[in-house]
């Protein structure tokens, strides 16, 4: 007849074992949850950085190719802390090449009510006929907490720019941008072209 010592686990031993397994499972699930959150945060940060790079490149290419004006709109470039209006050779859509375009870069809100930087575009002919016309509107940066534009010329910085009054385009535009809860970023976009087009496109 087998002794009681070899008969199996006691109820107390089983309860202790279950408690230990539950505790280890809880620790493992907590660690997994923290890891998944960290991966999610990393992915969100990577997505935000990619969006910032694309938006920055997009704005740099358009602003750096700003032209001084066309017939009837010489030295056309207006800017304040929240928007910039100018003429450029670059269209919003790559397949629509050719001509001069009127751009308006502005700070606003997206459909979710979050801060955003958007671009409005119209062909120069349409814009000259109707300065309020918008043919294409596109959001280039989202999750924007704050944006300010500054304008520079000859080593001085200005809060606003009036091309006709200041007799030309700025040498550069500085954009001060904060995305989400990140630290503010500054980047300076030089303006390279600044020529006047004698004919309407």
C-alpha atoms as a PDB file:
ATOM      1  CA  UNK A   1       0.000   0.000   0.000  1.00  0.00           C
ATOM      2  CA  UNK A   2       1.529   3.354  -1.144  1.00  0.00           C
ATOM      3  CA  UNK A   3       2.438   5.871   1.498  1.00  0.00           C
ATOM      4  CA  UNK A   4       0.720   9.281   1.752  1.00  0.00           C
ATOM      5  CA  UNK A   5       3.986  10.992   0.807  1.00  0.00           C
ATOM      6  CA  UNK A   6       3.930   9.435  -2.708  1.00  0.00           C
ATOM      7  CA  UNK A   7       0.194   9.849  -3.280  1.00  0.00           C
ATOM      8  CA  UNK A   8       0.507  13.222  -5.170  1.00  0.00           C
ATOM      9  CA  UNK A   9       0.279  16.966  -4.580  1.00  0.00           C
ATOM     10  CA  UNK A  10      -1.577  18.400  -1.658  1.00  0.00           C
ATOM     11  CA  UNK A  11      -4.228  21.074  -2.162  1.00  0.00           C
ATOM     12  CA  UNK A  12      -1.890  23.655  -0.654  1.00  0.00           C
ATOM     13  CA  UNK A  13       0.872  22.751  -3.109  1.00  0.00           C
ATOM     14  CA  UNK A  14      -1.536  23.031  -6.045  1.00  0.00           C
ATOM     15  CA  UNK A  15      -2.767  26.457  -4.887  1.00  0.00           C
ATOM     16  CA  UNK A  16       0.807  27.728  -4.479  1.00  0.00           C
ATOM     17  CA  UNK A  17       1.681  26.409  -7.950  1.00  0.00           C
ATOM     18  CA  UNK A  18      -1.364  28.100  -9.522  1.00  0.00           C
ATOM     19  CA  UNK A  19      -0.536  31.371  -7.774  1.00  0.00           C
ATOM     20  CA  UNK A  20       3.041  31.244  -9.099  1.00  0.00           C
ATOM     21  CA  UNK A  21       1.882  30.462 -12.660  1.00  0.00           C
ATOM     22  CA  UNK A  22      -0.640  33.323 -12.502  1.00  0.00           C
ATOM     23  CA  UNK A  23       2.023  35.715 -11.225  1.00  0.00           C
ATOM     24  CA  UNK A  24       4.481  34.701 -13.955  1.00  0.00           C
ATOM     25  CA  UNK A  25       1.746  35.047 -16.603  1.00  0.00           C
ATOM     26  CA  UNK A  26       0.884  38.506 -15.316  1.00  0.00           C
ATOM     27  CA  UNK A  27       4.542  39.582 -15.464  1.00  0.00           C
ATOM     28  CA  UNK A  28       4.893  38.173 -19.001  1.00  0.00           C
ATOM     29  CA  UNK A  29       1.707  39.898 -20.228  1.00  0.00           C
ATOM     30  CA  UNK A  30       2.752  43.211 -18.658  1.00  0.00           C
ATOM     31  CA  UNK A  31       6.154  42.993 -20.338  1.00  0.00           C
ATOM     32  CA  UNK A  32       4.518  42.135 -23.676  1.00  0.00           C
ATOM     33  CA  UNK A  33       2.060  45.029 -23.348  1.00  0.00           C
ATOM     34  CA  UNK A  34       4.872  47.481 -22.561  1.00  0.00           C
ATOM     35  CA  UNK A  35       6.862  46.174 -25.525  1.00  0.00           C
ATOM     36  CA  UNK A  36       3.901  46.588 -27.894  1.00  0.00           C
ATOM     37  CA  UNK A  37       3.309  50.139 -26.637  1.00  0.00           C
ATOM     38  CA  UNK A  38       6.982  50.981 -27.148  1.00  0.00           C
ATOM     39  CA  UNK A  39       6.856  49.583 -30.689  1.00  0.00           C
ATOM     40  CA  UNK A  40       3.681  51.598 -31.354  1.00  0.00           C
ATOM     41  CA  UNK A  41       5.298  54.784 -30.056  1.00  0.00           C
ATOM     42  CA  UNK A  42       8.389  54.096 -32.144  1.00  0.00           C
ATOM     43  CA  UNK A  43       6.277  53.519 -35.259  1.00  0.00           C
ATOM     44  CA  UNK A  44       4.275  56.710 -34.631  1.00  0.00           C
ATOM     45  CA  UNK A  45       7.503  58.667 -34.165  1.00  0.00           C
ATOM     46  CA  UNK A  46       8.899  57.172 -37.381  1.00  0.00           C
ATOM     47  CA  UNK A  47       5.690  58.060 -39.256  1.00  0.00           C
ATOM     48  CA  UNK A  48       5.790  61.619 -37.903  1.00  0.00           C
ATOM     49  CA  UNK A  49       9.439  61.972 -38.888  1.00  0.00           C
ATOM     50  CA  UNK A  50       8.725  60.681 -42.382  1.00  0.00           C
ATOM     51  CA  UNK A  51       5.794  63.080 -42.778  1.00  0.00           C
ATOM     52  CA  UNK A  52       7.989  65.929 -41.554  1.00  0.00           C
ATOM     53  CA  UNK A  53      10.733  65.054 -44.045  1.00  0.00           C
ATOM     54  CA  UNK A  54       8.289  64.858 -46.958  1.00  0.00           C
ATOM     55  CA  UNK A  55       6.553  68.101 -45.954  1.00  0.00           C
ATOM     56  CA  UNK A  56       9.857  69.878 -45.410  1.00  0.00           C
ATOM     57  CA  UNK A  57      11.224  68.743 -48.780  1.00  0.00           C
ATOM     58  CA  UNK A  58       7.967  69.722 -50.465  1.00  0.00           C
ATOM     59  CA  UNK A  59       7.933  73.233 -48.979  1.00  0.00           C
ATOM     60  CA  UNK A  60      11.654  73.736 -49.579  1.00  0.00           C
ATOM     61  CA  UNK A  61      11.369  72.876 -53.268  1.00  0.00           C
ATOM     62  CA  UNK A  62       8.420  75.191 -53.860  1.00  0.00           C
ATOM     63  CA  UNK A  63       9.616  78.167 -51.826  1.00  0.00           C
ATOM     64  CA  UNK A  64      13.196  78.003 -53.064  1.00  0.00           C
ATOM     65  CA  UNK A  65      11.907  78.284 -56.635  1.00  0.00           C
ATOM     66  CA  UNK A  66       9.628  81.277 -55.981  1.00  0.00           C
ATOM     67  CA  UNK A  67       9.631  83.695 -58.902  1.00  0.00           C
ATOM     68  CA  UNK A  68       9.566  87.464 -58.520  1.00  0.00           C
ATOM     69  CA  UNK A  69       6.367  87.867 -60.458  1.00  0.00           C
ATOM     70  CA  UNK A  70       4.617  87.806 -63.798  1.00  0.00           C
ATOM     71  CA  UNK A  71       3.104  90.504 -65.983  1.00  0.00           C
ATOM     72  CA  UNK A  72       0.906  92.639 -63.747  1.00  0.00           C
ATOM     73  CA  UNK A  73       2.221  91.147 -60.505  1.00  0.00           C
ATOM     74  CA  UNK A  74       5.890  92.041 -60.146  1.00  0.00           C
ATOM     75  CA  UNK A  75       7.659  91.366 -56.847  1.00  0.00           C
ATOM     76  CA  UNK A  76       4.652  89.271 -55.804  1.00  0.00           C
ATOM     77  CA  UNK A  77       5.406  87.711 -52.424  1.00  0.00           C
ATOM     78  CA  UNK A  78       3.333  88.275 -49.291  1.00  0.00           C
ATOM     79  CA  UNK A  79       3.829  86.651 -45.933  1.00  0.00           C
ATOM     80  CA  UNK A  80       2.962  86.887 -42.271  1.00  0.00           C
ATOM     81  CA  UNK A  81       3.349  84.546 -39.320  1.00  0.00           C
ATOM     82  CA  UNK A  82       0.530  82.247 -40.503  1.00  0.00           C
ATOM     83  CA  UNK A  83       0.590  82.266 -44.307  1.00  0.00           C
ATOM     84  CA  UNK A  84       2.704  82.891 -47.398  1.00  0.00           C
ATOM     85  CA  UNK A  85       1.527  83.780 -50.919  1.00  0.00           C
ATOM     86  CA  UNK A  86       3.918  83.520 -53.847  1.00  0.00           C
ATOM     87  CA  UNK A  87       4.412  82.353 -57.431  1.00  0.00           C
ATOM     88  CA  UNK A  88       6.440  79.273 -58.347  1.00  0.00           C
ATOM     89  CA  UNK A  89       7.240  77.027 -61.288  1.00  0.00           C
ATOM     90  CA  UNK A  90       6.509  73.883 -59.268  1.00  0.00           C
ATOM     91  CA  UNK A  91       3.008  72.372 -59.260  1.00  0.00           C
ATOM     92  CA  UNK A  92       1.462  70.392 -56.424  1.00  0.00           C
ATOM     93  CA  UNK A  93       0.930  67.459 -58.779  1.00  0.00           C
ATOM     94  CA  UNK A  94       3.971  66.280 -60.726  1.00  0.00           C
ATOM     95  CA  UNK A  95       1.986  65.341 -63.859  1.00  0.00           C
ATOM     96  CA  UNK A  96       0.764  68.941 -64.208  1.00  0.00           C
ATOM     97  CA  UNK A  97       4.123  70.470 -65.190  1.00  0.00           C
ATOM     98  CA  UNK A  98       4.466  73.663 -67.203  1.00  0.00           C
ATOM     99  CA  UNK A  99       3.796  77.284 -66.367  1.00  0.00           C
ATOM    100  CA  UNK A 100       3.684  79.426 -63.263  1.00  0.00           C
ATOM    101  CA  UNK A 101       1.497  78.629 -60.250  1.00  0.00           C
ATOM    102  CA  UNK A 102       0.107  80.737 -57.434  1.00  0.00           C
ATOM    103  CA  UNK A 103       0.651  79.130 -54.041  1.00  0.00           C
ATOM    104  CA  UNK A 104      -0.705  79.891 -50.615  1.00  0.00           C
ATOM    105  CA  UNK A 105       0.899  78.080 -47.664  1.00  0.00           C
ATOM    106  CA  UNK A 106      -1.297  78.455 -44.605  1.00  0.00           C
ATOM    107  CA  UNK A 107      -1.720  77.244 -41.056  1.00  0.00           C
ATOM    108  CA  UNK A 108      -5.133  75.772 -40.279  1.00  0.00           C
ATOM    109  CA  UNK A 109      -6.980  72.669 -39.078  1.00  0.00           C
ATOM    110  CA  UNK A 110      -7.532  69.263 -40.649  1.00  0.00           C
ATOM    111  CA  UNK A 111     -10.821  67.317 -40.675  1.00  0.00           C
ATOM    112  CA  UNK A 112     -10.088  65.959 -37.181  1.00  0.00           C
ATOM    113  CA  UNK A 113      -9.621  69.483 -35.836  1.00  0.00           C
ATOM    114  CA  UNK A 114      -5.857  69.113 -35.350  1.00  0.00           C
ATOM    115  CA  UNK A 115      -3.387  71.783 -36.414  1.00  0.00           C
ATOM    116  CA  UNK A 116      -2.101  71.419 -39.964  1.00  0.00           C
ATOM    117  CA  UNK A 117      -0.083  73.143 -42.658  1.00  0.00           C
ATOM    118  CA  UNK A 118      -1.864  73.189 -46.013  1.00  0.00           C
ATOM    119  CA  UNK A 119      -1.111  74.385 -49.535  1.00  0.00           C
ATOM    120  CA  UNK A 120      -3.572  75.910 -51.994  1.00  0.00           C
ATOM    121  CA  UNK A 121      -2.651  76.204 -55.655  1.00  0.00           C
ATOM    122  CA  UNK A 122      -4.045  77.763 -58.810  1.00  0.00           C
ATOM    123  CA  UNK A 123      -2.581  78.288 -62.266  1.00  0.00           C
ATOM    124  CA  UNK A 124      -1.339  81.857 -62.685  1.00  0.00           C
ATOM    125  CA  UNK A 125      -3.845  82.609 -65.475  1.00  0.00           C
ATOM    126  CA  UNK A 126      -6.767  81.485 -63.276  1.00  0.00           C
ATOM    127  CA  UNK A 127      -5.382  83.372 -60.281  1.00  0.00           C
ATOM    128  CA  UNK A 128      -4.994  86.634 -62.262  1.00  0.00           C
ATOM    129  CA  UNK A 129      -8.634  86.387 -63.349  1.00  0.00           C
ATOM    130  CA  UNK A 130      -9.847  85.523 -59.854  1.00  0.00           C
ATOM    131  CA  UNK A 131      -7.390  85.968 -56.924  1.00  0.00           C
ATOM    132  CA  UNK A 132      -9.620  83.833 -54.659  1.00  0.00           C
ATOM    133  CA  UNK A 133      -9.676  80.769 -56.904  1.00  0.00           C
ATOM    134  CA  UNK A 134      -8.285  77.508 -55.466  1.00  0.00           C
ATOM    135  CA  UNK A 135      -7.803  74.660 -57.927  1.00  0.00           C
ATOM    136  CA  UNK A 136      -5.979  72.226 -55.623  1.00  0.00           C
ATOM    137  CA  UNK A 137      -5.779  72.090 -51.822  1.00  0.00           C
ATOM    138  CA  UNK A 138      -3.509  69.656 -50.004  1.00  0.00           C
ATOM    139  CA  UNK A 139      -2.436  69.155 -46.386  1.00  0.00           C
ATOM    140  CA  UNK A 140       1.341  68.669 -46.163  1.00  0.00           C
ATOM    141  CA  UNK A 141       1.836  68.474 -42.364  1.00  0.00           C
ATOM    142  CA  UNK A 142      -0.533  67.229 -39.632  1.00  0.00           C
ATOM    143  CA  UNK A 143      -0.431  67.024 -35.832  1.00  0.00           C
ATOM    144  CA  UNK A 144       0.922  70.575 -35.818  1.00  0.00           C
ATOM    145  CA  UNK A 145       0.932  72.342 -32.451  1.00  0.00           C
ATOM    146  CA  UNK A 146       2.336  75.668 -33.646  1.00  0.00           C
ATOM    147  CA  UNK A 147       3.832  77.256 -36.757  1.00  0.00           C
ATOM    148  CA  UNK A 148       5.369  80.659 -37.416  1.00  0.00           C
ATOM    149  CA  UNK A 149       6.932  82.047 -40.572  1.00  0.00           C
ATOM    150  CA  UNK A 150       9.720  84.638 -40.583  1.00  0.00           C
ATOM    151  CA  UNK A 151      11.344  86.362 -43.551  1.00  0.00           C
ATOM    152  CA  UNK A 152      14.956  87.387 -43.987  1.00  0.00           C
ATOM    153  CA  UNK A 153      16.953  89.705 -46.180  1.00  0.00           C
ATOM    154  CA  UNK A 154      20.500  91.073 -45.885  1.00  0.00           C
ATOM    155  CA  UNK A 155      20.974  89.453 -42.485  1.00  0.00           C
ATOM    156  CA  UNK A 156      17.782  90.942 -40.973  1.00  0.00           C
ATOM    157  CA  UNK A 157      14.644  89.035 -40.022  1.00  0.00           C
ATOM    158  CA  UNK A 158      11.072  90.296 -40.405  1.00  0.00           C
ATOM    159  CA  UNK A 159       7.703  89.091 -39.054  1.00  0.00           C
ATOM    160  CA  UNK A 160       5.946  89.855 -42.355  1.00  0.00           C
ATOM    161  CA  UNK A 161       6.824  90.494 -45.984  1.00  0.00           C
ATOM    162  CA  UNK A 162       5.257  92.695 -48.668  1.00  0.00           C
ATOM    163  CA  UNK A 163       7.057  92.131 -51.980  1.00  0.00           C
ATOM    164  CA  UNK A 164       5.970  95.287 -53.839  1.00  0.00           C
ATOM    165  CA  UNK A 165       6.598  97.561 -50.835  1.00  0.00           C
ATOM    166  CA  UNK A 166       9.928  95.914 -50.014  1.00  0.00           C
ATOM    167  CA  UNK A 167      10.818  95.813 -53.724  1.00  0.00           C
ATOM    168  CA  UNK A 168      11.589  92.159 -54.046  1.00  0.00           C
ATOM    169  CA  UNK A 169      11.433  88.733 -52.500  1.00  0.00           C
ATOM    170  CA  UNK A 170      13.081  87.771 -49.208  1.00  0.00           C
ATOM    171  CA  UNK A 171      16.406  85.964 -49.328  1.00  0.00           C
ATOM    172  CA  UNK A 172      15.033  83.194 -47.124  1.00  0.00           C
ATOM    173  CA  UNK A 173      12.022  82.031 -45.129  1.00  0.00           C
ATOM    174  CA  UNK A 174      12.418  80.594 -41.649  1.00  0.00           C
ATOM    175  CA  UNK A 175       9.748  78.176 -40.470  1.00  0.00           C
ATOM    176  CA  UNK A 176       9.399  77.535 -36.742  1.00  0.00           C
ATOM    177  CA  UNK A 177       7.381  74.358 -36.288  1.00  0.00           C
ATOM    178  CA  UNK A 178       6.218  72.208 -33.371  1.00  0.00           C
ATOM    179  CA  UNK A 179       4.676  68.787 -34.029  1.00  0.00           C
ATOM    180  CA  UNK A 180       2.654  67.185 -31.230  1.00  0.00           C
ATOM    181  CA  UNK A 181       4.583  67.325 -27.962  1.00  0.00           C
ATOM    182  CA  UNK A 182       7.995  67.387 -29.646  1.00  0.00           C
ATOM    183  CA  UNK A 183      10.538  70.166 -29.288  1.00  0.00           C
ATOM    184  CA  UNK A 184      10.204  73.113 -31.715  1.00  0.00           C
ATOM    185  CA  UNK A 185      12.106  72.783 -34.973  1.00  0.00           C
ATOM    186  CA  UNK A 186      13.570  75.566 -37.072  1.00  0.00           C
ATOM    187  CA  UNK A 187      14.528  75.368 -40.684  1.00  0.00           C
ATOM    188  CA  UNK A 188      15.608  78.046 -43.117  1.00  0.00           C
ATOM    189  CA  UNK A 189      14.531  77.818 -46.761  1.00  0.00           C
ATOM    190  CA  UNK A 190      16.631  79.945 -49.143  1.00  0.00           C
ATOM    191  CA  UNK A 191      14.915  81.489 -52.159  1.00  0.00           C
ATOM    192  CA  UNK A 192      17.072  80.941 -55.236  1.00  0.00           C
ATOM    193  CA  UNK A 193      15.128  82.068 -58.316  1.00  0.00           C
ATOM    194  CA  UNK A 194      13.506  85.465 -57.660  1.00  0.00           C
ATOM    195  CA  UNK A 195      13.198  86.358 -61.351  1.00  0.00           C
ATOM    196  CA  UNK A 196      10.271  88.100 -63.042  1.00  0.00           C
ATOM    197  CA  UNK A 197       8.409  86.422 -65.887  1.00  0.00           C
ATOM    198  CA  UNK A 198       7.507  88.918 -68.596  1.00  0.00           C
ATOM    199  CA  UNK A 199       4.578  86.953 -70.010  1.00  0.00           C
ATOM    200  CA  UNK A 200       1.584  85.345 -68.351  1.00  0.00           C
ATOM    201  CA  UNK A 201       1.695  81.568 -68.496  1.00  0.00           C
END
